[in-house]
Amino acid sequence: MERLLPLVTKETGYAVCRELEREANNDYVIRLLERLEDENPCVAEFISRLAIQHEDPVGLSTAAALVYRLLESQAEADRLREQIGPGK
């Protein structure tokens, strides 16, 4: 069966962690959520609705946005790997 979502590698996880660490405070997550509102409003609304029902809405929003970014980043890496071709 074909995988619908990418399998996130350790390398991609490390890369997203480095993105997060480069910015102070919650700026990275705030920008990510704002971009998500523009690019994928259904997911952004889902995160928002779930977060307001949770005792730690910031933590839940952060976790959800970071999982989205991990999948997005891995999909980008996989596309680049396909364009370059095997063994190159």
PDB file of N, CA and C in Angstrom:
ATOM      1  N   MET A   1       0.841  -1.183   0.000  1.00  0.00           N
ATOM      2  CA  MET A   1       0.000   0.000   0.000  1.00  0.00           C
ATOM      3  C   MET A   1       0.889   1.250   0.000  1.00  0.00           C
ATOM      4  N   GLU A   2       0.503   2.199  -0.823  1.00  0.00           N
ATOM      5  CA  GLU A   2       1.269   3.448  -0.915  1.00  0.00           C
ATOM      6  C   GLU A   2       1.012   4.313   0.312  1.00  0.00           C
ATOM      7  N   ARG A   3       2.086   4.912   0.813  1.00  0.00           N
ATOM      8  CA  ARG A   3       2.001   5.790   1.982  1.00  0.00           C
ATOM      9  C   ARG A   3       1.438   7.142   1.540  1.00  0.00           C
ATOM     10  N   LEU A   4       0.412   7.611   2.235  1.00  0.00           N
ATOM     11  CA  LEU A   4      -0.198   8.897   1.902  1.00  0.00           C
ATOM     12  C   LEU A   4       0.593  10.072   2.460  1.00  0.00           C
ATOM     13  N   LEU A   5       1.167   9.889   3.638  1.00  0.00           N
ATOM     14  CA  LEU A   5       1.984  10.928   4.252  1.00  0.00           C
ATOM     15  C   LEU A   5       3.431  10.455   4.282  1.00  0.00           C
ATOM     16  N   PRO A   6       4.363  11.392   4.194  1.00  0.00           N
ATOM     17  CA  PRO A   6       5.775  10.985   4.200  1.00  0.00           C
ATOM     18  C   PRO A   6       6.201  10.433   5.554  1.00  0.00           C
ATOM     19  N   LEU A   7       7.166   9.556   5.525  1.00  0.00           N
ATOM     20  CA  LEU A   7       7.796   9.044   6.734  1.00  0.00           C
ATOM     21  C   LEU A   7       8.916  10.015   7.087  1.00  0.00           C
ATOM     22  N   VAL A   8       8.781  10.689   8.207  1.00  0.00           N
ATOM     23  CA  VAL A   8       9.732  11.730   8.600  1.00  0.00           C
ATOM     24  C   VAL A   8      11.028  11.077   9.089  1.00  0.00           C
ATOM     25  N   THR A   9      12.143  11.518   8.517  1.00  0.00           N
ATOM     26  CA  THR A   9      13.449  10.996   8.896  1.00  0.00           C
ATOM     27  C   THR A   9      14.021  11.791  10.063  1.00  0.00           C
ATOM     28  N   LYS A  10      15.027  11.201  10.713  1.00  0.00           N
ATOM     29  CA  LYS A  10      15.710  11.912  11.796  1.00  0.00           C
ATOM     30  C   LYS A  10      16.318  13.207  11.282  1.00  0.00           C
ATOM     31  N   GLU A  11      16.864  13.173  10.071  1.00  0.00           N
ATOM     32  CA  GLU A  11      17.502  14.368   9.497  1.00  0.00           C
ATOM     33  C   GLU A  11      16.497  15.507   9.355  1.00  0.00           C
ATOM     34  N   THR A  12      15.296  15.172   8.907  1.00  0.00           N
ATOM     35  CA  THR A  12      14.268  16.201   8.776  1.00  0.00           C
ATOM     36  C   THR A  12      13.865  16.722  10.152  1.00  0.00           C
ATOM     37  N   GLY A  13      13.759  15.824  11.114  1.00  0.00           N
ATOM     38  CA  GLY A  13      13.439  16.236  12.484  1.00  0.00           C
ATOM     39  C   GLY A  13      14.475  17.193  13.037  1.00  0.00           C
ATOM     40  N   TYR A  14      15.750  16.863  12.806  1.00  0.00           N
ATOM     41  CA  TYR A  14      16.823  17.756  13.262  1.00  0.00           C
ATOM     42  C   TYR A  14      16.742  19.110  12.567  1.00  0.00           C
ATOM     43  N   ALA A  15      16.451  19.099  11.271  1.00  0.00           N
ATOM     44  CA  ALA A  15      16.375  20.353  10.512  1.00  0.00           C
ATOM     45  C   ALA A  15      15.250  21.244  11.035  1.00  0.00           C
ATOM     46  N   VAL A  16      14.094  20.664  11.311  1.00  0.00           N
ATOM     47  CA  VAL A  16      12.972  21.450  11.831  1.00  0.00           C
ATOM     48  C   VAL A  16      13.301  21.964  13.236  1.00  0.00           C
ATOM     49  N   CYS A  17      13.974  21.155  14.047  1.00  0.00           N
ATOM     50  CA  CYS A  17      14.402  21.625  15.371  1.00  0.00           C
ATOM     51  C   CYS A  17      15.336  22.820  15.248  1.00  0.00           C
ATOM     52  N   ARG A  18      16.246  22.767  14.293  1.00  0.00           N
ATOM     53  CA  ARG A  18      17.162  23.903  14.086  1.00  0.00           C
ATOM     54  C   ARG A  18      16.399  25.146  13.636  1.00  0.00           C
ATOM     55  N   GLU A  19      15.393  24.968  12.765  1.00  0.00           N
ATOM     56  CA  GLU A  19      14.559  26.110  12.366  1.00  0.00           C
ATOM     57  C   GLU A  19      13.925  26.744  13.602  1.00  0.00           C
ATOM     58  N   LEU A  20      13.365  25.912  14.460  1.00  0.00           N
ATOM     59  CA  LEU A  20      12.685  26.376  15.665  1.00  0.00           C
ATOM     60  C   LEU A  20      13.643  27.101  16.603  1.00  0.00           C
ATOM     61  N   GLU A  21      14.840  26.570  16.761  1.00  0.00           N
ATOM     62  CA  GLU A  21      15.817  27.143  17.694  1.00  0.00           C
ATOM     63  C   GLU A  21      16.410  28.456  17.204  1.00  0.00           C
ATOM     64  N   ARG A  22      16.343  28.725  15.910  1.00  0.00           N
ATOM     65  CA  ARG A  22      16.934  29.950  15.362  1.00  0.00           C
ATOM     66  C   ARG A  22      16.152  31.196  15.721  1.00  0.00           C
ATOM     67  N   GLU A  23      14.903  31.050  16.111  1.00  0.00           N
ATOM     68  CA  GLU A  23      14.068  32.217  16.377  1.00  0.00           C
ATOM     69  C   GLU A  23      13.722  32.314  17.857  1.00  0.00           C
ATOM     70  N   ALA A  24      13.659  33.538  18.319  1.00  0.00           N
ATOM     71  CA  ALA A  24      13.367  33.791  19.731  1.00  0.00           C
ATOM     72  C   ALA A  24      11.878  33.639  20.016  1.00  0.00           C
ATOM     73  N   ASN A  25      11.586  33.381  21.277  1.00  0.00           N
ATOM     74  CA  ASN A  25      10.207  33.294  21.763  1.00  0.00           C
ATOM     75  C   ASN A  25       9.403  32.293  20.936  1.00  0.00           C
ATOM     76  N   ASN A  26       8.200  32.663  20.612  1.00  0.00           N
ATOM     77  CA  ASN A  26       7.330  31.792  19.813  1.00  0.00           C
ATOM     78  C   ASN A  26       7.198  32.297  18.382  1.00  0.00           C
ATOM     79  N   ASP A  27       8.127  33.128  17.934  1.00  0.00           N
ATOM     80  CA  ASP A  27       8.020  33.735  16.609  1.00  0.00           C
ATOM     81  C   ASP A  27       7.888  32.701  15.502  1.00  0.00           C
ATOM     82  N   TYR A  28       8.670  31.624  15.587  1.00  0.00           N
ATOM     83  CA  TYR A  28       8.644  30.587  14.552  1.00  0.00           C
ATOM     84  C   TYR A  28       7.254  29.959  14.472  1.00  0.00           C
ATOM     85  N   VAL A  29       6.707  29.590  15.601  1.00  0.00           N
ATOM     86  CA  VAL A  29       5.405  28.929  15.631  1.00  0.00           C
ATOM     87  C   VAL A  29       4.309  29.899  15.202  1.00  0.00           C
ATOM     88  N   ILE A  30       4.399  31.134  15.624  1.00  0.00           N
ATOM     89  CA  ILE A  30       3.409  32.141  15.229  1.00  0.00           C
ATOM     90  C   ILE A  30       3.408  32.306  13.711  1.00  0.00           C
ATOM     91  N   ARG A  31       4.597  32.448  13.120  1.00  0.00           N
ATOM     92  CA  ARG A  31       4.679  32.586  11.658  1.00  0.00           C
ATOM     93  C   ARG A  31       4.166  31.331  10.962  1.00  0.00           C
ATOM     94  N   LEU A  32       4.478  30.169  11.513  1.00  0.00           N
ATOM     95  CA  LEU A  32       4.021  28.912  10.937  1.00  0.00           C
ATOM     96  C   LEU A  32       2.498  28.824  10.964  1.00  0.00           C
ATOM     97  N   LEU A  33       1.895  29.184  12.078  1.00  0.00           N
ATOM     98  CA  LEU A  33       0.433  29.157  12.175  1.00  0.00           C
ATOM     99  C   LEU A  33      -0.214  30.182  11.243  1.00  0.00           C
ATOM    100  N   GLU A  34       0.398  31.359  11.105  1.00  0.00           N
ATOM    101  CA  GLU A  34      -0.132  32.370  10.177  1.00  0.00           C
ATOM    102  C   GLU A  34      -0.063  31.862   8.742  1.00  0.00           C
ATOM    103  N   ARG A  35       1.052  31.232   8.391  1.00  0.00           N
ATOM    104  CA  ARG A  35       1.198  30.673   7.036  1.00  0.00           C
ATOM    105  C   ARG A  35       0.198  29.562   6.811  1.00  0.00           C
ATOM    106  N   LEU A  36      -0.015  28.756   7.828  1.00  0.00           N
ATOM    107  CA  LEU A  36      -0.974  27.663   7.743  1.00  0.00           C
ATOM    108  C   LEU A  36      -2.388  28.190   7.503  1.00  0.00           C
ATOM    109  N   GLU A  37      -2.732  29.299   8.144  1.00  0.00           N
ATOM    110  CA  GLU A  37      -4.045  29.919   7.928  1.00  0.00           C
ATOM    111  C   GLU A  37      -4.243  30.296   6.470  1.00  0.00           C
ATOM    112  N   ASP A  38      -3.180  30.774   5.814  1.00  0.00           N
ATOM    113  CA  ASP A  38      -3.262  31.155   4.406  1.00  0.00           C
ATOM    114  C   ASP A  38      -3.255  29.944   3.473  1.00  0.00           C
ATOM    115  N   GLU A  39      -2.376  28.986   3.751  1.00  0.00           N
ATOM    116  CA  GLU A  39      -2.140  27.880   2.822  1.00  0.00           C
ATOM    117  C   GLU A  39      -3.044  26.679   3.053  1.00  0.00           C
ATOM    118  N   ASN A  40      -3.480  26.459   4.280  1.00  0.00           N
ATOM    119  CA  ASN A  40      -4.297  25.302   4.595  1.00  0.00           C
ATOM    120  C   ASN A  40      -5.271  25.665   5.716  1.00  0.00           C
ATOM    121  N   PRO A  41      -6.256  26.515   5.392  1.00  0.00           N
ATOM    122  CA  PRO A  41      -7.138  27.057   6.432  1.00  0.00           C
ATOM    123  C   PRO A  41      -7.936  25.995   7.192  1.00  0.00           C
ATOM    124  N   CYS A  42      -8.263  24.891   6.566  1.00  0.00           N
ATOM    125  CA  CYS A  42      -9.021  23.849   7.266  1.00  0.00           C
ATOM    126  C   CYS A  42      -8.187  23.265   8.408  1.00  0.00           C
ATOM    127  N   VAL A  43      -6.924  22.998   8.158  1.00  0.00           N
ATOM    128  CA  VAL A  43      -6.049  22.467   9.200  1.00  0.00           C
ATOM    129  C   VAL A  43      -5.843  23.520  10.291  1.00  0.00           C
ATOM    130  N   ALA A  44      -5.641  24.764   9.889  1.00  0.00           N
ATOM    131  CA  ALA A  44      -5.459  25.837  10.869  1.00  0.00           C
ATOM    132  C   ALA A  44      -6.685  25.972  11.765  1.00  0.00           C
ATOM    133  N   GLU A  45      -7.870  25.889  11.183  1.00  0.00           N
ATOM    134  CA  GLU A  45      -9.096  25.990  11.974  1.00  0.00           C
ATOM    135  C   GLU A  45      -9.237  24.792  12.905  1.00  0.00           C
ATOM    136  N   PHE A  46      -8.882  23.611  12.424  1.00  0.00           N
ATOM    137  CA  PHE A  46      -8.939  22.411  13.257  1.00  0.00           C
ATOM    138  C   PHE A  46      -8.034  22.569  14.477  1.00  0.00           C
ATOM    139  N   ILE A  47      -6.819  23.036  14.243  1.00  0.00           N
ATOM    140  CA  ILE A  47      -5.877  23.249  15.344  1.00  0.00           C
ATOM    141  C   ILE A  47      -6.440  24.274  16.328  1.00  0.00           C
ATOM    142  N   SER A  48      -6.969  25.363  15.815  1.00  0.00           N
ATOM    143  CA  SER A  48      -7.507  26.429  16.661  1.00  0.00           C
ATOM    144  C   SER A  48      -8.677  25.934  17.512  1.00  0.00           C
ATOM    145  N   ARG A  49      -9.600  25.212  16.884  1.00  0.00           N
ATOM    146  CA  ARG A  49     -10.773  24.711  17.621  1.00  0.00           C
ATOM    147  C   ARG A  49     -10.369  23.708  18.691  1.00  0.00           C
ATOM    148  N   LEU A  50      -9.418  22.853  18.366  1.00  0.00           N
ATOM    149  CA  LEU A  50      -8.955  21.877  19.345  1.00  0.00           C
ATOM    150  C   LEU A  50      -8.213  22.567  20.491  1.00  0.00           C
ATOM    151  N   ALA A  51      -7.392  23.561  20.133  1.00  0.00           N
ATOM    152  CA  ALA A  51      -6.582  24.253  21.137  1.00  0.00           C
ATOM    153  C   ALA A  51      -7.438  24.977  22.178  1.00  0.00           C
ATOM    154  N   ILE A  52      -8.513  25.623  21.747  1.00  0.00           N
ATOM    155  CA  ILE A  52      -9.321  26.381  22.707  1.00  0.00           C
ATOM    156  C   ILE A  52     -10.060  25.476  23.680  1.00  0.00           C
ATOM    157  N   GLN A  53     -10.148  24.188  23.359  1.00  0.00           N
ATOM    158  CA  GLN A  53     -10.800  23.238  24.263  1.00  0.00           C
ATOM    159  C   GLN A  53      -9.809  22.558  25.208  1.00  0.00           C
ATOM    160  N   HIS A  54      -8.537  22.882  25.053  1.00  0.00           N
ATOM    161  CA  HIS A  54      -7.480  22.213  25.798  1.00  0.00           C
ATOM    162  C   HIS A  54      -6.980  23.115  26.915  1.00  0.00           C
ATOM    163  N   GLU A  55      -6.498  22.508  28.004  1.00  0.00           N
ATOM    164  CA  GLU A  55      -6.019  23.328  29.128  1.00  0.00           C
ATOM    165  C   GLU A  55      -4.719  24.054  28.809  1.00  0.00           C
ATOM    166  N   ASP A  56      -3.978  23.590  27.793  1.00  0.00           N
ATOM    167  CA  ASP A  56      -2.747  24.263  27.360  1.00  0.00           C
ATOM    168  C   ASP A  56      -2.844  24.543  25.856  1.00  0.00           C
ATOM    169  N   PRO A  57      -3.614  25.575  25.486  1.00  0.00           N
ATOM    170  CA  PRO A  57      -3.837  25.831  24.064  1.00  0.00           C
ATOM    171  C   PRO A  57      -2.565  26.182  23.300  1.00  0.00           C
ATOM    172  N   VAL A  58      -1.638  26.871  23.933  1.00  0.00           N
ATOM    173  CA  VAL A  58      -0.388  27.233  23.261  1.00  0.00           C
ATOM    174  C   VAL A  58       0.441  25.988  22.988  1.00  0.00           C
ATOM    175  N   GLY A  59       0.527  25.120  23.978  1.00  0.00           N
ATOM    176  CA  GLY A  59       1.290  23.886  23.815  1.00  0.00           C
ATOM    177  C   GLY A  59       0.702  22.994  22.739  1.00  0.00           C
ATOM    178  N   LEU A  60      -0.624  22.869  22.736  1.00  0.00           N
ATOM    179  CA  LEU A  60      -1.275  22.036  21.734  1.00  0.00           C
ATOM    180  C   LEU A  60      -1.092  22.628  20.342  1.00  0.00           C
ATOM    181  N   SER A  61      -1.267  23.927  20.200  1.00  0.00           N
ATOM    182  CA  SER A  61      -1.082  24.579  18.903  1.00  0.00           C
ATOM    183  C   SER A  61       0.349  24.427  18.404  1.00  0.00           C
ATOM    184  N   THR A  62       1.299  24.573  19.308  1.00  0.00           N
ATOM    185  CA  THR A  62       2.704  24.431  18.953  1.00  0.00           C
ATOM    186  C   THR A  62       2.988  23.022  18.462  1.00  0.00           C
ATOM    187  N   ALA A  63       2.534  22.025  19.204  1.00  0.00           N
ATOM    188  CA  ALA A  63       2.776  20.634  18.824  1.00  0.00           C
ATOM    189  C   ALA A  63       2.145  20.318  17.466  1.00  0.00           C
ATOM    190  N   ALA A  64       0.910  20.744  17.274  1.00  0.00           N
ATOM    191  CA  ALA A  64       0.221  20.466  16.015  1.00  0.00           C
ATOM    192  C   ALA A  64       0.917  21.145  14.839  1.00  0.00           C
ATOM    193  N   ALA A  65       1.310  22.387  15.010  1.00  0.00           N
ATOM    194  CA  ALA A  65       1.986  23.120  13.938  1.00  0.00           C
ATOM    195  C   ALA A  65       3.333  22.482  13.611  1.00  0.00           C
ATOM    196  N   LEU A  66       4.049  22.024  14.616  1.00  0.00           N
ATOM    197  CA  LEU A  66       5.349  21.403  14.382  1.00  0.00           C
ATOM    198  C   LEU A  66       5.208  20.051  13.680  1.00  0.00           C
ATOM    199  N   VAL A  67       4.190  19.285  14.020  1.00  0.00           N
ATOM    200  CA  VAL A  67       3.956  18.028  13.301  1.00  0.00           C
ATOM    201  C   VAL A  67       3.650  18.324  11.834  1.00  0.00           C
ATOM    202  N   TYR A  68       2.829  19.339  11.594  1.00  0.00           N
ATOM    203  CA  TYR A  68       2.537  19.738  10.219  1.00  0.00           C
ATOM    204  C   TYR A  68       3.826  20.119   9.488  1.00  0.00           C
ATOM    205  N   ARG A  69       4.667  20.903  10.153  1.00  0.00           N
ATOM    206  CA  ARG A  69       5.932  21.336   9.535  1.00  0.00           C
ATOM    207  C   ARG A  69       6.846  20.152   9.261  1.00  0.00           C
ATOM    208  N   LEU A  70       6.899  19.178  10.166  1.00  0.00           N
ATOM    209  CA  LEU A  70       7.707  17.983   9.930  1.00  0.00           C
ATOM    210  C   LEU A  70       7.254  17.257   8.657  1.00  0.00           C
ATOM    211  N   LEU A  71       5.955  17.067   8.521  1.00  0.00           N
ATOM    212  CA  LEU A  71       5.426  16.390   7.339  1.00  0.00           C
ATOM    213  C   LEU A  71       5.677  17.202   6.068  1.00  0.00           C
ATOM    214  N   GLU A  72       5.469  18.505   6.173  1.00  0.00           N
ATOM    215  CA  GLU A  72       5.695  19.400   5.039  1.00  0.00           C
ATOM    216  C   GLU A  72       7.156  19.384   4.618  1.00  0.00           C
ATOM    217  N   SER A  73       8.047  19.482   5.583  1.00  0.00           N
ATOM    218  CA  SER A  73       9.475  19.510   5.302  1.00  0.00           C
ATOM    219  C   SER A  73       9.936  18.188   4.695  1.00  0.00           C
ATOM    220  N   GLN A  74       9.422  17.075   5.211  1.00  0.00           N
ATOM    221  CA  GLN A  74       9.803  15.780   4.654  1.00  0.00           C
ATOM    222  C   GLN A  74       9.285  15.624   3.231  1.00  0.00           C
ATOM    223  N   ALA A  75       8.087  16.093   2.961  1.00  0.00           N
ATOM    224  CA  ALA A  75       7.541  16.033   1.600  1.00  0.00           C
ATOM    225  C   ALA A  75       8.423  16.841   0.648  1.00  0.00           C
ATOM    226  N   GLU A  76       8.892  18.003   1.101  1.00  0.00           N
ATOM    227  CA  GLU A  76       9.801  18.826   0.285  1.00  0.00           C
ATOM    228  C   GLU A  76      11.101  18.075   0.016  1.00  0.00           C
ATOM    229  N   ALA A  77      11.666  17.458   1.050  1.00  0.00           N
ATOM    230  CA  ALA A  77      12.915  16.706   0.895  1.00  0.00           C
ATOM    231  C   ALA A  77      12.728  15.521  -0.049  1.00  0.00           C
ATOM    232  N   ASP A  78      11.601  14.830   0.074  1.00  0.00           N
ATOM    233  CA  ASP A  78      11.330  13.686  -0.798  1.00  0.00           C
ATOM    234  C   ASP A  78      11.198  14.119  -2.255  1.00  0.00           C
ATOM    235  N   ARG A  79      10.528  15.252  -2.498  1.00  0.00           N
ATOM    236  CA  ARG A  79      10.393  15.760  -3.877  1.00  0.00           C
ATOM    237  C   ARG A  79      11.761  16.107  -4.461  1.00  0.00           C
ATOM    238  N   LEU A  80      12.601  16.758  -3.656  1.00  0.00           N
ATOM    239  CA  LEU A  80      13.945  17.097  -4.127  1.00  0.00           C
ATOM    240  C   LEU A  80      14.741  15.837  -4.455  1.00  0.00           C
ATOM    241  N   ARG A  81      14.640  14.828  -3.612  1.00  0.00           N
ATOM    242  CA  ARG A  81      15.354  13.572  -3.832  1.00  0.00           C
ATOM    243  C   ARG A  81      14.874  12.922  -5.136  1.00  0.00           C
ATOM    244  N   GLU A  82      13.582  12.970  -5.398  1.00  0.00           N
ATOM    245  CA  GLU A  82      13.035  12.400  -6.642  1.00  0.00           C
ATOM    246  C   GLU A  82      13.535  13.174  -7.856  1.00  0.00           C
ATOM    247  N   GLN A  83      13.631  14.493  -7.747  1.00  0.00           N
ATOM    248  CA  GLN A  83      14.099  15.318  -8.872  1.00  0.00           C
ATOM    249  C   GLN A  83      15.558  15.066  -9.171  1.00  0.00           C
ATOM    250  N   ILE A  84      16.344  14.888  -8.124  1.00  0.00           N
ATOM    251  CA  ILE A  84      17.774  14.640  -8.313  1.00  0.00           C
ATOM    252  C   ILE A  84      18.016  13.263  -8.879  1.00  0.00           C
ATOM    253  N   GLY A  85      17.224  12.305  -8.441  1.00  0.00           N
ATOM    254  CA  GLY A  85      17.347  10.937  -8.912  1.00  0.00           C
ATOM    255  C   GLY A  85      18.222  10.115  -7.994  1.00  0.00           C
ATOM    256  N   PRO A  86      18.103   8.790  -8.102  1.00  0.00           N
ATOM    257  CA  PRO A  86      18.867   7.907  -7.226  1.00  0.00           C
ATOM    258  C   PRO A  86      20.371   7.962  -7.514  1.00  0.00           C
ATOM    259  N   GLY A  87      21.120   7.916  -6.442  1.00  0.00           N
ATOM    260  CA  GLY A  87      22.575   7.839  -6.558  1.00  0.00           C
ATOM    261  C   GLY A  87      23.280   9.104  -6.982  1.00  0.00           C
ATOM    262  N   LYS A  88      22.567  10.209  -7.019  1.00  0.00           N
ATOM    263  CA  LYS A  88      23.199  11.467  -7.430  1.00  0.00           C
ATOM    264  C   LYS A  88      23.412  12.352  -6.252  1.00  0.00           C
TER     265      LYS A  88
END
